[in-house]
Amino acid sequence: MRAGKGGALAGTGRGSELEREEERGQDEPHEVHAGHRLATMLRWTRAWRLPHAGLGFSSPSFTRVPVTPSSSRGRGGAEPRPLPLSYRLLDGDAALPAVVFLHGLFGSKTNFNSIAKALAQQTGRRVLTVDARNHGDSPHSLDMSYEIMSQDLQDLLPQLGLVPCVIVGHSMGGKTAMLLALQRPELVERLIAVDISPVETTGVSNFATYVTAMRTINIPDELPRSRARKLADEQLSSVVQDMAVRQFLLTNLVEVDGRFVWRVNLDALTQHLDKILAFPQRQESYLGPTLFLCGGNSQFVHPSHHPEIMRLFPRAQMQTVPNAGHWIHADRPQDFIAAIRGFLV
């Protein structure tokens, strides 16, 4: 199954109402204003009203795709199984390597809607955006590690006929992309790691604080949507002072039958956050072209990381986007697209 020229193929787990909201959003132009970090990424994202039929709730986490077991492990403690990820594929020239975008922690494939569309139009390539497990519209599982997230992609990308491809991963998605390239270099034509290194990032992130704050949110049932979001924002503000970051976190707040819940799996993130902030120890190297794209105002990639970067990725280039923080694609979208296009040549 493939979309027609210029069309899009939607994968597992997309609800029709949510899909229409995303379709409307991705056509909106980029706007970048000083002091409104993440504004571009957030303009089309809101708390959607979703059908409740067939879904049950045992925690504040919300599962868009029903998953019978609470974990993807097989019987007898077998290795975790790959999950069918939700994706959106923009069609293009099959003779060119596709570009695959992987979002960061708390994000979703919609973070790259406008950028994916622009890149597909400007390069003629197929462009895939993917929801990681426990994020967006992808299934939930208590298994959460870079090894299993890499395995999810090792299943999905060949199924879609997209290998070898260009992998662009931001933050958590960047670490997943790096591990995929190290484990299965034949699947990755070239690699772009966006504001992340193959090292532990606990000291420069506030992600643990964000998870804790999100778990404490208490919103009464049947509250109007606008009031619910305002209340959630007020409750988060005591811990998360940056308004743009709060709005980004609130993209995970969804309404189901009058009840507001998180669509990101906070239980799994809480249990495995130490793994997400770390990076698996590896001995092999990825010898393909690699770009580490860093935000000029971000502390996530430090010069002390460079030896490990060069050990694992000996062909790595370092590039900095001025006036950009950790979310480069939101802060400086045109510069972000230009950096990708320059690396594709």
C-alpha atoms as a PDB file:
ATOM      1  CA  MET A   1       0.000   0.000   0.000  1.00  0.00           C
ATOM      2  CA  ARG A   2       1.443   3.406  -0.972  1.00  0.00           C
ATOM      3  CA  ALA A   3       0.067   6.886  -1.258  1.00  0.00           C
ATOM      4  CA  GLY A   4      -0.068   8.592  -4.602  1.00  0.00           C
ATOM      5  CA  LYS A   5       2.460  11.187  -5.690  1.00  0.00           C
ATOM      6  CA  GLY A   6       2.536  13.970  -3.126  1.00  0.00           C
ATOM      7  CA  GLY A   7       0.175  12.064  -0.876  1.00  0.00           C
ATOM      8  CA  ALA A   8       0.570  10.625   2.576  1.00  0.00           C
ATOM      9  CA  LEU A   9       0.258   7.140   3.994  1.00  0.00           C
ATOM     10  CA  ALA A  10      -0.838   6.945   7.605  1.00  0.00           C
ATOM     11  CA  GLY A  11       0.161   3.991   9.729  1.00  0.00           C
ATOM     12  CA  THR A  12      -1.096   2.174  12.794  1.00  0.00           C
ATOM     13  CA  GLY A  13      -3.152   3.924  15.416  1.00  0.00           C
ATOM     14  CA  ARG A  14      -4.371   7.114  13.732  1.00  0.00           C
ATOM     15  CA  GLY A  15      -7.870   8.193  14.763  1.00  0.00           C
ATOM     16  CA  SER A  16      -9.882  10.029  12.105  1.00  0.00           C
ATOM     17  CA  GLU A  17     -10.562  13.131  14.198  1.00  0.00           C
ATOM     18  CA  LEU A  18      -6.969  13.399  15.352  1.00  0.00           C
ATOM     19  CA  GLU A  19      -5.783  12.848  11.799  1.00  0.00           C
ATOM     20  CA  ARG A  20      -7.938  15.723  10.537  1.00  0.00           C
ATOM     21  CA  GLU A  21      -6.534  18.022  13.208  1.00  0.00           C
ATOM     22  CA  GLU A  22      -2.982  17.073  12.199  1.00  0.00           C
ATOM     23  CA  GLU A  23      -3.753  17.487   8.501  1.00  0.00           C
ATOM     24  CA  ARG A  24      -4.990  21.035   9.129  1.00  0.00           C
ATOM     25  CA  GLY A  25      -1.958  21.829  11.238  1.00  0.00           C
ATOM     26  CA  GLN A  26       0.781  20.658   8.916  1.00  0.00           C
ATOM     27  CA  ASP A  27      -0.209  23.131   6.191  1.00  0.00           C
ATOM     28  CA  GLU A  28       0.273  26.142   8.433  1.00  0.00           C
ATOM     29  CA  PRO A  29       3.398  28.227   7.711  1.00  0.00           C
ATOM     30  CA  HIS A  30       6.320  28.497  10.105  1.00  0.00           C
ATOM     31  CA  GLU A  31       6.470  31.562  12.342  1.00  0.00           C
ATOM     32  CA  VAL A  32       9.394  32.239  14.636  1.00  0.00           C
ATOM     33  CA  HIS A  33       9.242  35.004  17.267  1.00  0.00           C
ATOM     34  CA  ALA A  34      11.861  35.782  19.874  1.00  0.00           C
ATOM     35  CA  GLY A  35      10.746  34.678  23.314  1.00  0.00           C
ATOM     36  CA  HIS A  36       8.256  32.138  21.936  1.00  0.00           C
ATOM     37  CA  ARG A  37      10.419  29.021  21.849  1.00  0.00           C
ATOM     38  CA  LEU A  38       8.545  25.985  20.519  1.00  0.00           C
ATOM     39  CA  ALA A  39       5.743  28.219  19.187  1.00  0.00           C
ATOM     40  CA  THR A  40       5.956  26.809  15.682  1.00  0.00           C
ATOM     41  CA  MET A  41       5.746  23.252  16.920  1.00  0.00           C
ATOM     42  CA  LEU A  42       2.821  24.058  19.172  1.00  0.00           C
ATOM     43  CA  ARG A  43       0.605  26.218  16.973  1.00  0.00           C
ATOM     44  CA  TRP A  44      -1.439  23.355  15.567  1.00  0.00           C
ATOM     45  CA  THR A  45      -1.283  21.137  18.646  1.00  0.00           C
ATOM     46  CA  ARG A  46      -4.133  21.172  21.148  1.00  0.00           C
ATOM     47  CA  ALA A  47      -5.956  18.826  23.514  1.00  0.00           C
ATOM     48  CA  TRP A  48      -8.121  16.788  21.158  1.00  0.00           C
ATOM     49  CA  ARG A  49     -11.552  15.409  21.973  1.00  0.00           C
ATOM     50  CA  LEU A  50     -11.297  11.684  21.351  1.00  0.00           C
ATOM     51  CA  PRO A  51     -13.801   8.800  21.379  1.00  0.00           C
ATOM     52  CA  HIS A  52     -13.899   6.736  24.545  1.00  0.00           C
ATOM     53  CA  ALA A  53     -15.337   3.544  23.104  1.00  0.00           C
ATOM     54  CA  GLY A  54     -13.365   0.428  23.930  1.00  0.00           C
ATOM     55  CA  LEU A  55     -10.754   2.125  26.080  1.00  0.00           C
ATOM     56  CA  GLY A  56     -10.208   1.577  29.770  1.00  0.00           C
ATOM     57  CA  PHE A  57      -8.114   3.530  32.229  1.00  0.00           C
ATOM     58  CA  SER A  58      -6.035   2.115  35.038  1.00  0.00           C
ATOM     59  CA  SER A  59      -3.695   5.108  35.372  1.00  0.00           C
ATOM     60  CA  PRO A  60      -3.328   8.707  34.145  1.00  0.00           C
ATOM     61  CA  SER A  61      -1.612   7.346  31.014  1.00  0.00           C
ATOM     62  CA  PHE A  62      -3.739   7.063  27.884  1.00  0.00           C
ATOM     63  CA  THR A  63      -3.411   4.306  25.287  1.00  0.00           C
ATOM     64  CA  ARG A  64      -4.531   5.350  21.805  1.00  0.00           C
ATOM     65  CA  VAL A  65      -4.040   1.811  20.469  1.00  0.00           C
ATOM     66  CA  PRO A  66      -5.411  -0.972  22.704  1.00  0.00           C
ATOM     67  CA  VAL A  67      -2.673  -3.335  23.884  1.00  0.00           C
ATOM     68  CA  THR A  68      -3.886  -6.427  25.699  1.00  0.00           C
ATOM     69  CA  PRO A  69      -0.862  -7.088  27.932  1.00  0.00           C
ATOM     70  CA  SER A  70       0.561  -4.300  30.071  1.00  0.00           C
ATOM     71  CA  SER A  71       3.988  -5.211  28.734  1.00  0.00           C
ATOM     72  CA  SER A  72       5.195  -6.424  25.370  1.00  0.00           C
ATOM     73  CA  ARG A  73       7.197  -9.238  26.955  1.00  0.00           C
ATOM     74  CA  GLY A  74       6.349 -12.731  25.881  1.00  0.00           C
ATOM     75  CA  ARG A  75       5.630 -15.650  28.176  1.00  0.00           C
ATOM     76  CA  GLY A  76       8.256 -16.690  30.639  1.00  0.00           C
ATOM     77  CA  GLY A  77      10.064 -13.343  30.627  1.00  0.00           C
ATOM     78  CA  ALA A  78      11.078 -13.544  26.963  1.00  0.00           C
ATOM     79  CA  GLU A  79      12.684 -10.603  25.227  1.00  0.00           C
ATOM     80  CA  PRO A  80      10.418  -7.597  24.585  1.00  0.00           C
ATOM     81  CA  ARG A  81       8.603  -7.651  21.268  1.00  0.00           C
ATOM     82  CA  PRO A  82       8.572  -4.813  18.729  1.00  0.00           C
ATOM     83  CA  LEU A  83       5.375  -2.762  18.609  1.00  0.00           C
ATOM     84  CA  PRO A  84       3.484  -1.528  15.515  1.00  0.00           C
ATOM     85  CA  LEU A  85       4.368   2.163  15.589  1.00  0.00           C
ATOM     86  CA  SER A  86       2.107   4.940  14.348  1.00  0.00           C
ATOM     87  CA  TYR A  87       3.618   6.813  11.421  1.00  0.00           C
ATOM     88  CA  ARG A  88       2.950   9.228   8.583  1.00  0.00           C
ATOM     89  CA  LEU A  89       4.696   8.777   5.232  1.00  0.00           C
ATOM     90  CA  LEU A  90       4.885  11.533   2.624  1.00  0.00           C
ATOM     91  CA  ASP A  91       5.500  10.128  -0.828  1.00  0.00           C
ATOM     92  CA  GLY A  92       8.445  10.969  -3.049  1.00  0.00           C
ATOM     93  CA  ASP A  93      11.107   9.564  -5.353  1.00  0.00           C
ATOM     94  CA  ALA A  94      11.766   5.940  -4.398  1.00  0.00           C
ATOM     95  CA  ALA A  95      15.222   6.171  -5.995  1.00  0.00           C
ATOM     96  CA  LEU A  96      16.361   8.570  -3.248  1.00  0.00           C
ATOM     97  CA  PRO A  97      16.916   7.533   0.363  1.00  0.00           C
ATOM     98  CA  ALA A  98      13.911   8.484   2.483  1.00  0.00           C
ATOM     99  CA  VAL A  99      14.248  10.869   5.429  1.00  0.00           C
ATOM    100  CA  VAL A 100      12.952   9.530   8.762  1.00  0.00           C
ATOM    101  CA  PHE A 101      12.243  11.855  11.707  1.00  0.00           C
ATOM    102  CA  LEU A 102      12.311  10.577  15.294  1.00  0.00           C
ATOM    103  CA  HIS A 103      10.971  12.896  18.009  1.00  0.00           C
ATOM    104  CA  GLY A 104      12.254  13.397  21.529  1.00  0.00           C
ATOM    105  CA  LEU A 105      10.876  12.621  24.984  1.00  0.00           C
ATOM    106  CA  PHE A 106       7.247  13.820  25.437  1.00  0.00           C
ATOM    107  CA  GLY A 107       7.056  14.568  21.709  1.00  0.00           C
ATOM    108  CA  SER A 108       5.214  13.025  18.780  1.00  0.00           C
ATOM    109  CA  LYS A 109       5.391  12.781  15.009  1.00  0.00           C
ATOM    110  CA  THR A 110       3.276  15.940  14.709  1.00  0.00           C
ATOM    111  CA  ASN A 111       6.266  17.938  15.997  1.00  0.00           C
ATOM    112  CA  PHE A 112       7.720  17.605  12.475  1.00  0.00           C
ATOM    113  CA  ASN A 113       4.538  18.115  10.414  1.00  0.00           C
ATOM    114  CA  SER A 114       5.476  21.339   8.644  1.00  0.00           C
ATOM    115  CA  ILE A 115       9.177  20.498   8.415  1.00  0.00           C
ATOM    116  CA  ALA A 116       8.427  17.083   6.906  1.00  0.00           C
ATOM    117  CA  LYS A 117       6.122  18.607   4.319  1.00  0.00           C
ATOM    118  CA  ALA A 118       8.637  21.315   3.411  1.00  0.00           C
ATOM    119  CA  LEU A 119      11.491  18.828   3.119  1.00  0.00           C
ATOM    120  CA  ALA A 120       9.430  16.485   0.945  1.00  0.00           C
ATOM    121  CA  GLN A 121       8.517  19.364  -1.373  1.00  0.00           C
ATOM    122  CA  GLN A 122      12.052  20.777  -1.539  1.00  0.00           C
ATOM    123  CA  THR A 123      13.950  17.519  -1.990  1.00  0.00           C
ATOM    124  CA  GLY A 124      11.429  15.226  -3.681  1.00  0.00           C
ATOM    125  CA  ARG A 125      12.218  12.539  -1.122  1.00  0.00           C
ATOM    126  CA  ARG A 126       9.883  10.346   0.839  1.00  0.00           C
ATOM    127  CA  VAL A 127       9.636  11.614   4.427  1.00  0.00           C
ATOM    128  CA  LEU A 128       8.515   9.477   7.357  1.00  0.00           C
ATOM    129  CA  THR A 129       7.541  10.755  10.798  1.00  0.00           C
ATOM    130  CA  VAL A 130       7.101   8.175  13.561  1.00  0.00           C
ATOM    131  CA  ASP A 131       5.620   8.073  17.065  1.00  0.00           C
ATOM    132  CA  ALA A 132       7.914   6.213  19.449  1.00  0.00           C
ATOM    133  CA  ARG A 133       6.357   3.574  21.691  1.00  0.00           C
ATOM    134  CA  ASN A 134       4.553   5.128  24.671  1.00  0.00           C
ATOM    135  CA  HIS A 135       4.218   8.409  22.760  1.00  0.00           C
ATOM    136  CA  GLY A 136       1.667   9.963  20.426  1.00  0.00           C
ATOM    137  CA  ASP A 137      -0.566   7.397  18.738  1.00  0.00           C
ATOM    138  CA  SER A 138       1.772   4.414  19.168  1.00  0.00           C
ATOM    139  CA  PRO A 139       0.921   1.570  21.567  1.00  0.00           C
ATOM    140  CA  HIS A 140       1.893   1.609  25.216  1.00  0.00           C
ATOM    141  CA  SER A 141       4.187  -0.933  26.852  1.00  0.00           C
ATOM    142  CA  LEU A 142       6.067  -1.069  30.122  1.00  0.00           C
ATOM    143  CA  ASP A 143       9.167  -2.010  28.111  1.00  0.00           C
ATOM    144  CA  MET A 144      11.110   1.159  27.334  1.00  0.00           C
ATOM    145  CA  SER A 145      14.763   1.108  26.320  1.00  0.00           C
ATOM    146  CA  TYR A 146      16.841   2.233  23.370  1.00  0.00           C
ATOM    147  CA  GLU A 147      17.381  -1.391  22.416  1.00  0.00           C
ATOM    148  CA  ILE A 148      13.648  -2.052  22.042  1.00  0.00           C
ATOM    149  CA  MET A 149      12.989   1.333  20.391  1.00  0.00           C
ATOM    150  CA  SER A 150      15.688   0.466  17.865  1.00  0.00           C
ATOM    151  CA  GLN A 151      14.056  -2.915  17.333  1.00  0.00           C
ATOM    152  CA  ASP A 152      10.702  -1.211  16.672  1.00  0.00           C
ATOM    153  CA  LEU A 153      12.357   0.656  13.801  1.00  0.00           C
ATOM    154  CA  GLN A 154      14.224  -2.408  12.559  1.00  0.00           C
ATOM    155  CA  ASP A 155      10.782  -3.936  12.025  1.00  0.00           C
ATOM    156  CA  LEU A 156       9.007  -0.875  10.619  1.00  0.00           C
ATOM    157  CA  LEU A 157      11.503   0.582   8.142  1.00  0.00           C
ATOM    158  CA  PRO A 158      12.025  -2.560   6.018  1.00  0.00           C
ATOM    159  CA  GLN A 159       8.262  -3.172   6.021  1.00  0.00           C
ATOM    160  CA  LEU A 160       7.779   0.249   4.440  1.00  0.00           C
ATOM    161  CA  GLY A 161      10.590  -0.307   1.947  1.00  0.00           C
ATOM    162  CA  LEU A 162      12.559   2.659   3.285  1.00  0.00           C
ATOM    163  CA  VAL A 163      16.012   1.183   3.857  1.00  0.00           C
ATOM    164  CA  PRO A 164      18.656   2.381   3.715  1.00  0.00           C
ATOM    165  CA  CYS A 165      17.384   5.774   4.847  1.00  0.00           C
ATOM    166  CA  VAL A 166      18.492   9.064   6.363  1.00  0.00           C
ATOM    167  CA  ILE A 167      17.655   9.069  10.080  1.00  0.00           C
ATOM    168  CA  VAL A 168      17.089  12.428  11.802  1.00  0.00           C
ATOM    169  CA  GLY A 169      16.611  11.986  15.540  1.00  0.00           C
ATOM    170  CA  HIS A 170      16.070  14.685  18.148  1.00  0.00           C
ATOM    171  CA  SER A 171      17.074  14.099  21.789  1.00  0.00           C
ATOM    172  CA  MET A 172      15.629  10.687  22.762  1.00  0.00           C
ATOM    173  CA  GLY A 173      14.970  10.070  19.065  1.00  0.00           C
ATOM    174  CA  GLY A 174      18.590  10.955  18.355  1.00  0.00           C
ATOM    175  CA  LYS A 175      19.827   8.317  20.768  1.00  0.00           C
ATOM    176  CA  THR A 176      17.487   5.779  19.181  1.00  0.00           C
ATOM    177  CA  ALA A 177      18.823   6.762  15.753  1.00  0.00           C
ATOM    178  CA  MET A 178      22.436   6.437  16.916  1.00  0.00           C
ATOM    179  CA  LEU A 179      21.861   2.981  18.366  1.00  0.00           C
ATOM    180  CA  LEU A 180      20.043   1.844  15.212  1.00  0.00           C
ATOM    181  CA  ALA A 181      22.995   3.002  13.107  1.00  0.00           C
ATOM    182  CA  LEU A 182      25.464   1.194  15.362  1.00  0.00           C
ATOM    183  CA  GLN A 183      23.430  -2.030  15.459  1.00  0.00           C
ATOM    184  CA  ARG A 184      22.231  -2.121  11.846  1.00  0.00           C
ATOM    185  CA  PRO A 185      24.415   0.193   9.733  1.00  0.00           C
ATOM    186  CA  GLU A 186      23.031  -1.279   6.519  1.00  0.00           C
ATOM    187  CA  LEU A 187      19.660   0.311   7.338  1.00  0.00           C
ATOM    188  CA  VAL A 188      21.050   3.838   7.750  1.00  0.00           C
ATOM    189  CA  GLU A 189      22.394   5.699   4.702  1.00  0.00           C
ATOM    190  CA  ARG A 190      23.384   8.649   6.863  1.00  0.00           C
ATOM    191  CA  LEU A 191      22.608   9.919  10.362  1.00  0.00           C
ATOM    192  CA  ILE A 192      21.680  13.290  11.882  1.00  0.00           C
ATOM    193  CA  ALA A 193      21.642  13.533  15.683  1.00  0.00           C
ATOM    194  CA  VAL A 194      19.859  16.708  16.777  1.00  0.00           C
ATOM    195  CA  ASP A 195      21.208  18.291  19.971  1.00  0.00           C
ATOM    196  CA  ILE A 196      22.131  15.045  21.678  1.00  0.00           C
ATOM    197  CA  SER A 197      25.252  12.958  22.340  1.00  0.00           C
ATOM    198  CA  PRO A 198      25.800   9.215  22.877  1.00  0.00           C
ATOM    199  CA  VAL A 199      26.387   9.843  26.577  1.00  0.00           C
ATOM    200  CA  GLU A 200      24.350  10.252  29.756  1.00  0.00           C
ATOM    201  CA  THR A 201      22.385  13.520  29.747  1.00  0.00           C
ATOM    202  CA  THR A 202      20.970  13.508  33.277  1.00  0.00           C
ATOM    203  CA  GLY A 203      22.924  16.573  34.360  1.00  0.00           C
ATOM    204  CA  VAL A 204      21.618  18.894  31.628  1.00  0.00           C
ATOM    205  CA  SER A 205      17.947  17.897  31.462  1.00  0.00           C
ATOM    206  CA  ASN A 206      14.913  18.549  33.625  1.00  0.00           C
ATOM    207  CA  PHE A 207      12.985  15.587  32.255  1.00  0.00           C
ATOM    208  CA  ALA A 208      12.660  13.844  35.618  1.00  0.00           C
ATOM    209  CA  THR A 209      11.124  17.008  37.044  1.00  0.00           C
ATOM    210  CA  TYR A 210       8.688  17.190  34.130  1.00  0.00           C
ATOM    211  CA  VAL A 211       7.522  13.594  34.630  1.00  0.00           C
ATOM    212  CA  THR A 212       6.952  14.192  38.343  1.00  0.00           C
ATOM    213  CA  ALA A 213       5.040  17.402  37.669  1.00  0.00           C
ATOM    214  CA  MET A 214       2.816  15.763  35.044  1.00  0.00           C
ATOM    215  CA  ARG A 215       1.938  12.923  37.406  1.00  0.00           C
ATOM    216  CA  THR A 216       0.674  15.375  40.030  1.00  0.00           C
ATOM    217  CA  ILE A 217      -1.814  17.134  37.750  1.00  0.00           C
ATOM    218  CA  ASN A 218      -5.385  16.841  39.026  1.00  0.00           C
ATOM    219  CA  ILE A 219      -8.205  17.983  36.722  1.00  0.00           C
ATOM    220  CA  PRO A 220     -11.884  17.468  37.673  1.00  0.00           C
ATOM    221  CA  ASP A 221     -13.997  15.483  35.219  1.00  0.00           C
ATOM    222  CA  GLU A 222     -16.334  17.258  32.799  1.00  0.00           C
ATOM    223  CA  LEU A 223     -14.366  20.485  32.955  1.00  0.00           C
ATOM    224  CA  PRO A 224     -14.513  22.581  29.752  1.00  0.00           C
ATOM    225  CA  ARG A 225     -11.452  22.018  27.600  1.00  0.00           C
ATOM    226  CA  SER A 226     -10.144  25.569  27.820  1.00  0.00           C
ATOM    227  CA  ARG A 227     -10.502  25.627  31.590  1.00  0.00           C
ATOM    228  CA  ALA A 228      -8.870  22.206  31.934  1.00  0.00           C
ATOM    229  CA  ARG A 229      -5.803  23.269  29.970  1.00  0.00           C
ATOM    230  CA  LYS A 230      -5.557  26.488  31.941  1.00  0.00           C
ATOM    231  CA  LEU A 231      -5.798  24.563  35.211  1.00  0.00           C
ATOM    232  CA  ALA A 232      -3.157  22.060  34.096  1.00  0.00           C
ATOM    233  CA  ASP A 233      -0.892  24.908  33.032  1.00  0.00           C
ATOM    234  CA  GLU A 234      -1.323  26.582  36.420  1.00  0.00           C
ATOM    235  CA  GLN A 235      -0.495  23.369  38.255  1.00  0.00           C
ATOM    236  CA  LEU A 236       2.596  22.761  36.119  1.00  0.00           C
ATOM    237  CA  SER A 237       3.813  26.347  36.457  1.00  0.00           C
ATOM    238  CA  SER A 238       4.957  25.903  40.040  1.00  0.00           C
ATOM    239  CA  VAL A 239       7.560  23.382  38.822  1.00  0.00           C
ATOM    240  CA  VAL A 240       8.027  24.207  35.114  1.00  0.00           C
ATOM    241  CA  GLN A 241       8.607  27.934  34.864  1.00  0.00           C
ATOM    242  CA  ASP A 242       9.195  28.056  31.084  1.00  0.00           C
ATOM    243  CA  MET A 243       5.797  28.677  29.473  1.00  0.00           C
ATOM    244  CA  ALA A 244       6.871  27.210  26.121  1.00  0.00           C
ATOM    245  CA  VAL A 245       7.976  23.976  27.798  1.00  0.00           C
ATOM    246  CA  ARG A 246       4.660  23.764  29.700  1.00  0.00           C
ATOM    247  CA  GLN A 247       2.736  24.192  26.458  1.00  0.00           C
ATOM    248  CA  PHE A 248       4.863  21.488  24.863  1.00  0.00           C
ATOM    249  CA  LEU A 249       4.108  19.084  27.736  1.00  0.00           C
ATOM    250  CA  LEU A 250       0.410  19.948  27.485  1.00  0.00           C
ATOM    251  CA  THR A 251       0.313  18.679  23.900  1.00  0.00           C
ATOM    252  CA  ASN A 252       0.075  15.277  25.610  1.00  0.00           C
ATOM    253  CA  LEU A 253      -3.125  16.198  27.453  1.00  0.00           C
ATOM    254  CA  VAL A 254      -6.145  14.708  25.694  1.00  0.00           C
ATOM    255  CA  GLU A 255      -9.850  14.604  26.492  1.00  0.00           C
ATOM    256  CA  VAL A 256     -11.717  11.303  26.444  1.00  0.00           C
ATOM    257  CA  ASP A 257     -15.427  11.300  27.253  1.00  0.00           C
ATOM    258  CA  GLY A 258     -15.141  14.350  29.476  1.00  0.00           C
ATOM    259  CA  ARG A 259     -11.989  13.185  31.220  1.00  0.00           C
ATOM    260  CA  PHE A 260      -8.513  14.606  30.693  1.00  0.00           C
ATOM    261  CA  VAL A 261      -5.610  12.158  30.660  1.00  0.00           C
ATOM    262  CA  TRP A 262      -2.026  11.964  29.392  1.00  0.00           C
ATOM    263  CA  ARG A 263      -1.503  10.142  26.105  1.00  0.00           C
ATOM    264  CA  VAL A 264       2.198   9.671  26.906  1.00  0.00           C
ATOM    265  CA  ASN A 265       2.787   6.615  29.104  1.00  0.00           C
ATOM    266  CA  LEU A 266       4.036   8.223  32.314  1.00  0.00           C
ATOM    267  CA  ASP A 267       4.235   4.871  34.116  1.00  0.00           C
ATOM    268  CA  ALA A 268       6.762   3.504  31.605  1.00  0.00           C
ATOM    269  CA  LEU A 269       8.709   6.764  31.469  1.00  0.00           C
ATOM    270  CA  THR A 270       8.939   6.924  35.252  1.00  0.00           C
ATOM    271  CA  GLN A 271      10.133   3.324  35.472  1.00  0.00           C
ATOM    272  CA  HIS A 272      12.775   3.649  32.741  1.00  0.00           C
ATOM    273  CA  LEU A 273      13.784   7.312  32.791  1.00  0.00           C
ATOM    274  CA  ASP A 274      17.313   6.421  33.882  1.00  0.00           C
ATOM    275  CA  LYS A 275      17.709   4.324  30.705  1.00  0.00           C
ATOM    276  CA  ILE A 276      16.317   7.122  28.532  1.00  0.00           C
ATOM    277  CA  LEU A 277      18.747   9.660  29.957  1.00  0.00           C
ATOM    278  CA  ALA A 278      21.678   7.260  29.489  1.00  0.00           C
ATOM    279  CA  PHE A 279      23.044   5.569  26.355  1.00  0.00           C
ATOM    280  CA  PRO A 280      23.912   1.891  25.891  1.00  0.00           C
ATOM    281  CA  GLN A 281      27.590   0.993  25.986  1.00  0.00           C
ATOM    282  CA  ARG A 282      28.727   0.019  22.500  1.00  0.00           C
ATOM    283  CA  GLN A 283      32.033  -1.123  21.031  1.00  0.00           C
ATOM    284  CA  GLU A 284      31.229  -1.016  17.322  1.00  0.00           C
ATOM    285  CA  SER A 285      31.340   2.136  15.190  1.00  0.00           C
ATOM    286  CA  TYR A 286      29.048   3.505  12.505  1.00  0.00           C
ATOM    287  CA  LEU A 287      31.152   4.448   9.488  1.00  0.00           C
ATOM    288  CA  GLY A 288      28.472   6.292   7.526  1.00  0.00           C
ATOM    289  CA  PRO A 289      28.192  10.078   7.164  1.00  0.00           C
ATOM    290  CA  THR A 290      27.017  11.588  10.456  1.00  0.00           C
ATOM    291  CA  LEU A 291      26.007  15.103  11.470  1.00  0.00           C
ATOM    292  CA  PHE A 292      25.658  16.284  15.052  1.00  0.00           C
ATOM    293  CA  LEU A 293      23.430  19.360  14.836  1.00  0.00           C
ATOM    294  CA  CYS A 294      23.586  21.416  18.027  1.00  0.00           C
ATOM    295  CA  GLY A 295      21.663  24.391  19.360  1.00  0.00           C
ATOM    296  CA  GLY A 296      23.865  27.374  20.038  1.00  0.00           C
ATOM    297  CA  ASN A 297      22.024  28.087  23.298  1.00  0.00           C
ATOM    298  CA  SER A 298      21.814  24.456  24.435  1.00  0.00           C
ATOM    299  CA  GLN A 299      24.049  22.573  26.865  1.00  0.00           C
ATOM    300  CA  PHE A 300      23.092  19.063  25.718  1.00  0.00           C
ATOM    301  CA  VAL A 301      26.206  18.524  23.541  1.00  0.00           C
ATOM    302  CA  HIS A 302      29.375  19.475  25.407  1.00  0.00           C
ATOM    303  CA  PRO A 303      32.947  19.510  24.048  1.00  0.00           C
ATOM    304  CA  SER A 304      33.781  16.784  26.564  1.00  0.00           C
ATOM    305  CA  HIS A 305      31.437  14.495  24.579  1.00  0.00           C
ATOM    306  CA  HIS A 306      33.449  14.821  21.372  1.00  0.00           C
ATOM    307  CA  PRO A 307      35.882  11.933  22.007  1.00  0.00           C
ATOM    308  CA  GLU A 308      33.008   9.477  22.500  1.00  0.00           C
ATOM    309  CA  ILE A 309      31.203  10.897  19.479  1.00  0.00           C
ATOM    310  CA  MET A 310      34.284  10.381  17.302  1.00  0.00           C
ATOM    311  CA  ARG A 311      34.910   6.890  18.703  1.00  0.00           C
ATOM    312  CA  LEU A 312      31.432   5.711  17.749  1.00  0.00           C
ATOM    313  CA  PHE A 313      30.951   7.916  14.671  1.00  0.00           C
ATOM    314  CA  PRO A 314      34.411   8.541  13.129  1.00  0.00           C
ATOM    315  CA  ARG A 315      32.961  10.474  10.166  1.00  0.00           C
ATOM    316  CA  ALA A 316      30.977  12.830  12.402  1.00  0.00           C
ATOM    317  CA  GLN A 317      30.657  16.512  11.555  1.00  0.00           C
ATOM    318  CA  MET A 318      29.660  19.073  14.184  1.00  0.00           C
ATOM    319  CA  GLN A 319      27.393  21.969  13.249  1.00  0.00           C
ATOM    320  CA  THR A 320      25.845  24.618  15.503  1.00  0.00           C
ATOM    321  CA  VAL A 321      22.620  26.516  14.809  1.00  0.00           C
ATOM    322  CA  PRO A 322      22.899  29.986  16.367  1.00  0.00           C
ATOM    323  CA  ASN A 323      20.074  31.321  18.545  1.00  0.00           C
ATOM    324  CA  ALA A 324      18.565  27.865  18.988  1.00  0.00           C
ATOM    325  CA  GLY A 325      17.987  25.914  22.166  1.00  0.00           C
ATOM    326  CA  HIS A 326      17.415  22.192  22.574  1.00  0.00           C
ATOM    327  CA  TRP A 327      14.370  22.213  20.263  1.00  0.00           C
ATOM    328  CA  ILE A 328      16.245  23.429  17.171  1.00  0.00           C
ATOM    329  CA  HIS A 329      13.481  22.435  14.764  1.00  0.00           C
ATOM    330  CA  ALA A 330      11.047  24.697  16.629  1.00  0.00           C
ATOM    331  CA  ASP A 331      13.399  27.575  17.402  1.00  0.00           C
ATOM    332  CA  ARG A 332      14.986  27.875  13.939  1.00  0.00           C
ATOM    333  CA  PRO A 333      12.958  25.740  11.502  1.00  0.00           C
ATOM    334  CA  GLN A 334      14.375  27.235   8.309  1.00  0.00           C
ATOM    335  CA  ASP A 335      17.954  26.852   9.544  1.00  0.00           C
ATOM    336  CA  PHE A 336      17.093  23.291  10.603  1.00  0.00           C
ATOM    337  CA  ILE A 337      15.796  22.432   7.131  1.00  0.00           C
ATOM    338  CA  ALA A 338      18.794  24.089   5.490  1.00  0.00           C
ATOM    339  CA  ALA A 339      21.217  22.068   7.630  1.00  0.00           C
ATOM    340  CA  ILE A 340      19.488  18.822   6.673  1.00  0.00           C
ATOM    341  CA  ARG A 341      19.443  19.706   2.983  1.00  0.00           C
ATOM    342  CA  GLY A 342      23.113  20.660   3.095  1.00  0.00           C
ATOM    343  CA  PHE A 343      23.987  17.307   4.610  1.00  0.00           C
ATOM    344  CA  LEU A 344      21.969  15.388   2.020  1.00  0.00           C
ATOM    345  CA  VAL A 345      24.068  16.724  -0.872  1.00  0.00           C
END
